[in-house]
N, C-alpha and C. Protein backbone atom coordinates (compact mmCIF):
# COMPACT_ATOMS: atom_id res chain seq x y z
N MET A 1 9.90 -6.67 3.99
CA MET A 1 9.68 -5.24 3.90
C MET A 1 10.78 -4.54 4.68
N SER A 2 11.24 -3.46 4.16
CA SER A 2 12.38 -2.77 4.77
C SER A 2 11.99 -2.12 6.09
N ALA A 3 13.02 -1.85 6.89
CA ALA A 3 12.79 -1.18 8.17
C ALA A 3 12.31 0.24 7.91
N GLY A 4 11.60 0.81 8.84
CA GLY A 4 11.11 2.16 8.68
C GLY A 4 9.60 2.22 8.60
N GLY A 5 8.98 1.09 8.47
CA GLY A 5 7.53 1.05 8.51
C GLY A 5 6.88 1.07 7.15
N VAL A 6 5.63 0.67 7.16
CA VAL A 6 4.84 0.60 5.95
C VAL A 6 3.89 1.79 5.91
N ALA A 7 3.86 2.47 4.78
CA ALA A 7 2.95 3.60 4.60
C ALA A 7 1.52 3.10 4.48
N ARG A 8 0.60 3.82 5.07
CA ARG A 8 -0.82 3.46 5.03
C ARG A 8 -1.58 4.49 4.21
N PRO A 9 -2.50 4.04 3.35
CA PRO A 9 -3.34 5.00 2.64
C PRO A 9 -4.35 5.60 3.62
N VAL A 10 -4.41 6.92 3.70
CA VAL A 10 -5.28 7.56 4.69
C VAL A 10 -6.36 8.44 4.08
N TRP A 11 -6.19 8.80 2.81
CA TRP A 11 -7.17 9.67 2.17
C TRP A 11 -7.01 9.54 0.68
N ALA A 12 -8.09 9.65 -0.06
CA ALA A 12 -8.02 9.57 -1.52
C ALA A 12 -8.97 10.58 -2.12
N ARG A 13 -8.65 10.96 -3.34
CA ARG A 13 -9.47 11.92 -4.07
C ARG A 13 -9.46 11.52 -5.53
N ALA A 14 -10.64 11.52 -6.15
CA ALA A 14 -10.72 11.21 -7.57
C ALA A 14 -9.98 12.30 -8.36
N LEU A 15 -9.26 11.88 -9.39
CA LEU A 15 -8.58 12.83 -10.25
C LEU A 15 -9.54 13.36 -11.30
N PRO A 16 -9.38 14.55 -11.82
CA PRO A 16 -8.29 15.47 -11.52
C PRO A 16 -8.49 16.16 -10.16
N TRP A 17 -7.37 16.49 -9.52
CA TRP A 17 -7.37 17.16 -8.23
C TRP A 17 -6.63 18.49 -8.40
N PRO A 18 -7.36 19.58 -8.60
CA PRO A 18 -6.71 20.87 -8.85
C PRO A 18 -5.81 21.29 -7.68
N LEU A 19 -4.67 21.86 -8.01
CA LEU A 19 -3.73 22.31 -6.97
C LEU A 19 -4.39 23.28 -6.00
N SER A 20 -5.33 24.08 -6.49
CA SER A 20 -5.98 25.06 -5.63
C SER A 20 -6.82 24.41 -4.52
N GLU A 21 -7.17 23.12 -4.69
CA GLU A 21 -8.00 22.43 -3.70
C GLU A 21 -7.20 21.49 -2.80
N MET A 22 -5.89 21.42 -2.98
CA MET A 22 -5.07 20.49 -2.20
C MET A 22 -4.76 20.98 -0.80
N GLY A 23 -4.63 22.28 -0.64
CA GLY A 23 -4.12 22.85 0.60
C GLY A 23 -4.79 22.42 1.88
N GLU A 24 -6.08 22.66 2.01
CA GLU A 24 -6.79 22.41 3.26
C GLU A 24 -6.79 20.94 3.67
N PRO A 25 -7.17 20.00 2.77
CA PRO A 25 -7.16 18.59 3.18
C PRO A 25 -5.76 18.10 3.54
N VAL A 26 -4.76 18.49 2.76
CA VAL A 26 -3.40 18.03 3.03
C VAL A 26 -2.89 18.59 4.36
N GLU A 27 -3.18 19.83 4.64
CA GLU A 27 -2.75 20.42 5.92
C GLU A 27 -3.41 19.70 7.10
N ALA A 28 -4.68 19.35 6.96
CA ALA A 28 -5.37 18.62 8.02
C ALA A 28 -4.74 17.24 8.21
N LEU A 29 -4.41 16.58 7.11
CA LEU A 29 -3.77 15.26 7.21
C LEU A 29 -2.38 15.35 7.83
N LYS A 30 -1.64 16.42 7.51
CA LYS A 30 -0.32 16.61 8.12
C LYS A 30 -0.44 16.79 9.63
N THR A 31 -1.50 17.47 10.07
CA THR A 31 -1.72 17.63 11.50
C THR A 31 -1.96 16.28 12.17
N LEU A 32 -2.69 15.41 11.49
CA LEU A 32 -3.00 14.09 12.05
C LEU A 32 -1.85 13.10 11.96
N PHE A 33 -1.14 13.09 10.82
CA PHE A 33 -0.19 12.02 10.55
C PHE A 33 1.26 12.47 10.42
N GLY A 34 1.55 13.75 10.49
CA GLY A 34 2.93 14.23 10.39
C GLY A 34 3.22 14.84 9.03
N GLU A 35 4.38 15.43 8.93
CA GLU A 35 4.78 16.20 7.75
C GLU A 35 5.15 15.37 6.53
N ASP A 36 5.59 14.15 6.72
CA ASP A 36 6.18 13.38 5.62
C ASP A 36 5.17 12.56 4.82
N LEU A 37 3.99 13.10 4.60
CA LEU A 37 3.00 12.40 3.80
C LEU A 37 3.45 12.35 2.35
N SER A 38 2.98 11.35 1.63
CA SER A 38 3.26 11.31 0.19
C SER A 38 1.94 11.13 -0.55
N ILE A 39 1.89 11.71 -1.74
CA ILE A 39 0.70 11.60 -2.58
C ILE A 39 1.11 10.86 -3.84
N LYS A 40 0.42 9.75 -4.10
CA LYS A 40 0.73 8.93 -5.27
C LYS A 40 -0.54 8.70 -6.07
N GLN A 41 -0.40 8.59 -7.37
CA GLN A 41 -1.53 8.27 -8.21
C GLN A 41 -1.69 6.76 -8.29
N ARG A 42 -2.89 6.28 -8.00
CA ARG A 42 -3.24 4.85 -8.18
C ARG A 42 -4.45 4.83 -9.08
N GLY A 43 -4.27 4.45 -10.32
CA GLY A 43 -5.37 4.47 -11.28
C GLY A 43 -5.81 5.91 -11.50
N THR A 44 -7.08 6.17 -11.28
CA THR A 44 -7.60 7.53 -11.46
C THR A 44 -7.85 8.22 -10.12
N ALA A 45 -7.07 7.85 -9.11
CA ALA A 45 -7.21 8.46 -7.80
C ALA A 45 -5.85 8.98 -7.33
N ALA A 46 -5.88 10.07 -6.59
CA ALA A 46 -4.71 10.55 -5.87
C ALA A 46 -4.85 10.03 -4.45
N VAL A 47 -3.87 9.29 -3.97
CA VAL A 47 -3.94 8.66 -2.66
C VAL A 47 -2.86 9.27 -1.77
N VAL A 48 -3.26 9.69 -0.57
CA VAL A 48 -2.33 10.25 0.40
C VAL A 48 -1.94 9.12 1.35
N TYR A 49 -0.61 8.93 1.51
CA TYR A 49 -0.06 7.87 2.36
C TYR A 49 0.67 8.48 3.55
N THR A 50 0.66 7.76 4.67
CA THR A 50 1.47 8.14 5.83
C THR A 50 2.94 7.90 5.48
N PRO A 51 3.86 8.43 6.30
CA PRO A 51 5.28 8.20 6.04
C PRO A 51 5.61 6.70 6.07
N GLY A 52 6.55 6.30 5.26
CA GLY A 52 6.98 4.90 5.21
C GLY A 52 7.09 4.42 3.78
N THR A 53 7.32 3.13 3.64
CA THR A 53 7.44 2.51 2.34
C THR A 53 6.06 2.08 1.87
N ILE A 54 5.67 2.52 0.68
CA ILE A 54 4.37 2.14 0.14
C ILE A 54 4.44 0.68 -0.29
N CYS A 55 3.54 -0.11 0.22
CA CYS A 55 3.52 -1.55 -0.01
C CYS A 55 2.37 -1.91 -0.95
N HIS A 56 2.60 -2.88 -1.80
CA HIS A 56 1.57 -3.33 -2.73
C HIS A 56 1.24 -4.81 -2.52
N CYS A 57 1.42 -5.29 -1.28
CA CYS A 57 1.01 -6.67 -1.00
C CYS A 57 -0.52 -6.74 -1.05
N LEU A 58 -1.05 -7.94 -1.10
CA LEU A 58 -2.49 -8.12 -1.19
C LEU A 58 -3.22 -7.47 -0.02
N ARG A 59 -2.67 -7.61 1.18
CA ARG A 59 -3.29 -7.03 2.38
C ARG A 59 -3.39 -5.50 2.27
N CYS A 60 -2.30 -4.86 1.87
CA CYS A 60 -2.30 -3.40 1.76
C CYS A 60 -3.19 -2.92 0.62
N ASP A 61 -3.24 -3.68 -0.49
CA ASP A 61 -4.12 -3.29 -1.58
C ASP A 61 -5.59 -3.45 -1.20
N HIS A 62 -5.93 -4.42 -0.36
CA HIS A 62 -7.30 -4.52 0.14
C HIS A 62 -7.64 -3.30 0.98
N GLU A 63 -6.70 -2.84 1.78
CA GLU A 63 -6.91 -1.64 2.59
C GLU A 63 -7.14 -0.43 1.68
N LEU A 64 -6.36 -0.34 0.60
CA LEU A 64 -6.53 0.74 -0.36
C LEU A 64 -7.89 0.65 -1.05
N GLU A 65 -8.30 -0.52 -1.45
CA GLU A 65 -9.61 -0.69 -2.10
C GLU A 65 -10.75 -0.24 -1.18
N THR A 66 -10.64 -0.58 0.10
CA THR A 66 -11.66 -0.16 1.07
C THR A 66 -11.72 1.37 1.14
N LEU A 67 -10.56 2.01 1.15
CA LEU A 67 -10.51 3.48 1.17
C LEU A 67 -11.14 4.05 -0.10
N LEU A 68 -10.79 3.48 -1.25
CA LEU A 68 -11.33 3.99 -2.52
C LEU A 68 -12.84 3.76 -2.62
N ASP A 69 -13.33 2.66 -2.07
CA ASP A 69 -14.77 2.40 -2.08
C ASP A 69 -15.55 3.46 -1.31
N HIS A 70 -14.90 4.12 -0.36
CA HIS A 70 -15.55 5.14 0.46
C HIS A 70 -15.13 6.56 0.09
N THR A 71 -14.53 6.71 -1.09
CA THR A 71 -14.10 8.02 -1.55
C THR A 71 -15.21 8.67 -2.38
N PRO A 72 -15.76 9.80 -1.94
CA PRO A 72 -16.82 10.46 -2.69
C PRO A 72 -16.36 10.83 -4.09
N GLY A 73 -17.22 10.59 -5.06
CA GLY A 73 -16.92 10.96 -6.44
C GLY A 73 -16.02 9.97 -7.17
N PHE A 74 -15.59 8.94 -6.48
CA PHE A 74 -14.72 7.96 -7.13
C PHE A 74 -15.56 6.77 -7.54
N GLU A 75 -15.78 6.63 -8.82
CA GLU A 75 -16.67 5.60 -9.34
C GLU A 75 -15.91 4.37 -9.85
N GLU A 76 -14.76 4.61 -10.45
CA GLU A 76 -14.04 3.54 -11.13
C GLU A 76 -13.44 2.54 -10.16
N LYS A 77 -13.47 1.28 -10.53
CA LYS A 77 -12.78 0.25 -9.76
C LYS A 77 -11.37 0.13 -10.32
N ASN A 78 -10.37 0.16 -9.45
CA ASN A 78 -8.99 0.04 -9.90
C ASN A 78 -8.59 -1.38 -10.23
N ASN A 79 -9.42 -2.35 -9.87
CA ASN A 79 -9.17 -3.76 -10.12
C ASN A 79 -7.78 -4.16 -9.65
N LEU A 80 -7.51 -3.91 -8.38
CA LEU A 80 -6.22 -4.27 -7.80
C LEU A 80 -6.07 -5.78 -7.68
N GLU A 81 -7.18 -6.52 -7.78
CA GLU A 81 -7.12 -7.98 -7.69
C GLU A 81 -6.30 -8.57 -8.82
N SER A 82 -6.29 -7.92 -9.99
CA SER A 82 -5.58 -8.49 -11.14
C SER A 82 -4.09 -8.14 -11.13
N THR A 83 -3.64 -7.40 -10.14
CA THR A 83 -2.24 -7.03 -10.04
C THR A 83 -1.43 -8.21 -9.52
N MET A 84 -0.31 -8.52 -10.19
CA MET A 84 0.54 -9.60 -9.71
C MET A 84 1.32 -9.12 -8.49
N ARG A 85 1.30 -9.89 -7.45
CA ARG A 85 2.00 -9.55 -6.21
C ARG A 85 3.37 -10.23 -6.23
N ILE A 86 4.37 -9.48 -5.93
CA ILE A 86 5.70 -10.08 -5.80
C ILE A 86 6.31 -9.66 -4.47
N CYS A 87 7.17 -10.50 -3.95
CA CYS A 87 7.85 -10.22 -2.69
C CYS A 87 8.83 -9.07 -2.90
N SER A 88 8.82 -8.11 -1.99
CA SER A 88 9.72 -6.97 -2.10
C SER A 88 11.17 -7.35 -1.78
N ASP A 89 11.37 -8.52 -1.14
CA ASP A 89 12.72 -8.95 -0.80
C ASP A 89 13.33 -9.85 -1.87
N CYS A 90 12.59 -10.92 -2.27
CA CYS A 90 13.18 -11.90 -3.19
C CYS A 90 12.63 -11.79 -4.61
N GLY A 91 11.52 -11.09 -4.81
CA GLY A 91 10.95 -10.91 -6.14
C GLY A 91 10.12 -12.08 -6.64
N ASP A 92 9.89 -13.09 -5.81
CA ASP A 92 9.14 -14.28 -6.20
C ASP A 92 7.64 -14.00 -6.11
N LYS A 93 6.91 -14.34 -7.18
CA LYS A 93 5.46 -14.10 -7.17
C LYS A 93 4.71 -15.08 -6.27
N ARG A 94 5.36 -16.16 -5.85
CA ARG A 94 4.70 -17.14 -4.99
C ARG A 94 5.07 -16.99 -3.51
N CYS A 95 5.91 -16.04 -3.21
CA CYS A 95 6.36 -15.82 -1.83
C CYS A 95 5.21 -15.32 -0.97
N ALA A 96 5.16 -15.78 0.26
CA ALA A 96 4.09 -15.40 1.20
C ALA A 96 4.09 -13.89 1.47
N GLN A 97 5.24 -13.25 1.39
CA GLN A 97 5.32 -11.83 1.68
C GLN A 97 4.59 -10.99 0.62
N GLY A 98 4.36 -11.56 -0.57
CA GLY A 98 3.58 -10.86 -1.59
C GLY A 98 2.11 -10.75 -1.22
N ARG A 99 1.64 -11.66 -0.38
CA ARG A 99 0.26 -11.61 0.09
C ARG A 99 0.11 -10.74 1.33
N ASN A 100 1.13 -10.74 2.18
CA ASN A 100 1.08 -9.97 3.42
C ASN A 100 2.51 -9.58 3.80
N HIS A 101 2.78 -8.29 3.83
CA HIS A 101 4.14 -7.83 4.11
C HIS A 101 4.62 -8.23 5.51
N GLN A 102 3.70 -8.63 6.39
CA GLN A 102 4.10 -9.04 7.74
C GLN A 102 4.64 -10.47 7.78
N ASP A 103 4.38 -11.23 6.73
CA ASP A 103 4.92 -12.59 6.67
C ASP A 103 6.41 -12.54 6.35
N LEU A 104 7.12 -13.57 6.76
CA LEU A 104 8.53 -13.66 6.42
C LEU A 104 8.69 -14.05 4.96
N CYS A 105 9.74 -13.57 4.34
CA CYS A 105 10.07 -13.95 2.97
C CYS A 105 10.41 -15.44 2.93
N ASP A 106 9.97 -16.13 1.89
CA ASP A 106 10.25 -17.56 1.75
C ASP A 106 11.75 -17.84 1.65
N GLN A 107 12.54 -16.83 1.28
CA GLN A 107 13.99 -17.00 1.16
C GLN A 107 14.72 -16.70 2.47
N ASP A 108 13.98 -16.32 3.50
CA ASP A 108 14.57 -16.06 4.81
C ASP A 108 15.17 -17.36 5.35
N PRO A 109 16.37 -17.32 5.92
CA PRO A 109 17.00 -18.55 6.43
C PRO A 109 16.13 -19.32 7.42
N PHE A 110 15.41 -18.62 8.27
CA PHE A 110 14.53 -19.27 9.25
C PHE A 110 13.43 -20.06 8.54
N VAL A 111 12.81 -19.48 7.52
CA VAL A 111 11.74 -20.13 6.76
C VAL A 111 12.31 -21.33 6.01
N LYS A 112 13.48 -21.17 5.41
CA LYS A 112 14.11 -22.29 4.69
C LYS A 112 14.37 -23.47 5.63
N GLU A 113 14.82 -23.18 6.84
CA GLU A 113 15.10 -24.23 7.81
C GLU A 113 13.80 -24.94 8.20
N LEU A 114 12.73 -24.18 8.41
CA LEU A 114 11.44 -24.79 8.74
C LEU A 114 10.95 -25.69 7.61
N LYS A 115 11.12 -25.27 6.37
CA LYS A 115 10.68 -26.08 5.24
C LYS A 115 11.47 -27.37 5.14
N ARG A 116 12.76 -27.32 5.50
CA ARG A 116 13.59 -28.55 5.47
C ARG A 116 13.13 -29.55 6.51
N GLU A 117 12.61 -29.05 7.64
CA GLU A 117 12.19 -29.93 8.72
C GLU A 117 10.82 -30.54 8.47
N LEU A 118 10.04 -29.97 7.56
CA LEU A 118 8.72 -30.51 7.25
C LEU A 118 8.86 -31.82 6.47
N PRO A 119 7.95 -32.77 6.71
CA PRO A 119 8.02 -34.05 5.97
C PRO A 119 7.74 -33.88 4.50
């Protein structure tokens, strides 16, 4: 994962989300988390993220699912489990970083050296 931090989902709203209703919640979130929030559509939900790179590793998607499960008026399951996870560095679907962005990429020189030393 690139430097600069990972964006966290902090609030969600079932779509449609009229522009006239965005102001108050977004302003409150800016007070809590700063000005650089981003709003992205995930399935039929609008999700507000903290500043940083939005990650789709398994760990971050579980965090998003937990948020969506507690979002009033949001009934649909996004079925994030069926999403294929790929490493943001090497693009390999079997890389450990696809499951958790905090893990090292399997193509990292340190990880490669450890694998060579294993029997």
